[in-house]
Amino acid sequence: MALPKRRHSKARGRKRRTNWKISAPNVIECPHCHQARLPHHICSHCGYYDGREVISARPE
């Protein structure tokens, strides 16, 4: 494994990291209860996935 002979400057390291951006999660509307949920996940509000109830709804 190669090791640097000299220290890299702060600017050089920061140039490399300029594209390390966080992206917002993709959120869709649940077709059953119309709450926001992640795609390909069970709705945490109603417990439905792909048009059928997978888990029972949380008690409110």
Protein backbone atom coordinates (compact mmCIF):
# COMPACT_ATOMS: atom_id res chain seq x y z
CA MET A 1 0.00 0.00 0.00
CA ALA A 2 1.45 3.36 -1.01
CA LEU A 3 1.92 6.00 1.68
CA PRO A 4 2.20 9.74 1.01
CA LYS A 5 5.68 11.14 1.50
CA ARG A 6 4.37 14.62 2.24
CA ARG A 7 1.23 15.89 3.93
CA HIS A 8 -1.62 16.91 1.63
CA SER A 9 -2.91 20.44 2.09
CA LYS A 10 -6.39 21.16 3.46
CA ALA A 11 -7.45 22.56 0.09
CA ARG A 12 -6.42 19.39 -1.72
CA GLY A 13 -8.40 17.18 0.64
CA ARG A 14 -11.42 19.47 0.52
CA LYS A 15 -11.37 19.53 -3.30
CA ARG A 16 -11.70 15.78 -3.26
CA ARG A 17 -14.63 15.91 -0.86
CA THR A 18 -16.69 18.58 -2.67
CA ASN A 19 -19.08 15.97 -4.07
CA TRP A 20 -19.80 14.23 -0.75
CA LYS A 21 -23.34 15.57 -0.58
CA ILE A 22 -26.25 14.09 1.30
CA SER A 23 -29.38 13.57 -0.77
CA ALA A 24 -32.94 13.93 0.44
CA PRO A 25 -34.82 10.63 0.84
CA ASN A 26 -37.26 9.75 -1.93
CA VAL A 27 -40.70 9.98 -0.31
CA ILE A 28 -43.95 8.87 -1.94
CA GLU A 29 -47.58 8.97 -0.85
CA CYS A 30 -49.16 5.82 0.56
CA PRO A 31 -52.07 4.88 -1.75
CA HIS A 32 -54.09 3.60 1.22
CA CYS A 33 -53.80 6.34 3.88
CA HIS A 34 -52.06 9.11 1.85
CA GLN A 35 -49.25 9.55 4.40
CA ALA A 36 -45.64 10.02 3.29
CA ARG A 37 -43.59 6.80 3.19
CA LEU A 38 -40.42 5.43 1.62
CA PRO A 39 -40.81 3.45 -1.61
CA HIS A 40 -40.70 -0.36 -1.26
CA HIS A 41 -41.40 -0.10 2.49
CA ILE A 42 -44.44 -0.91 4.59
CA CYS A 43 -46.37 2.21 5.55
CA SER A 44 -45.65 2.89 9.22
CA HIS A 45 -48.98 4.66 9.64
CA CYS A 46 -51.47 2.09 8.28
CA GLY A 47 -49.33 -1.07 7.87
CA TYR A 48 -50.23 -1.62 4.20
CA TYR A 49 -47.87 -2.64 1.40
CA ASP A 50 -48.79 -3.40 -2.22
CA GLY A 51 -52.51 -3.03 -1.53
CA ARG A 52 -52.75 -5.44 1.40
CA GLU A 53 -52.31 -5.18 5.17
CA VAL A 54 -48.95 -6.65 6.15
CA ILE A 55 -48.85 -5.64 9.81
CA SER A 56 -51.67 -4.48 12.05
CA ALA A 57 -51.90 -0.72 12.48
CA ARG A 58 -50.39 0.90 15.53
CA PRO A 59 -52.87 1.69 18.34
CA GLU A 60 -53.51 5.41 18.57
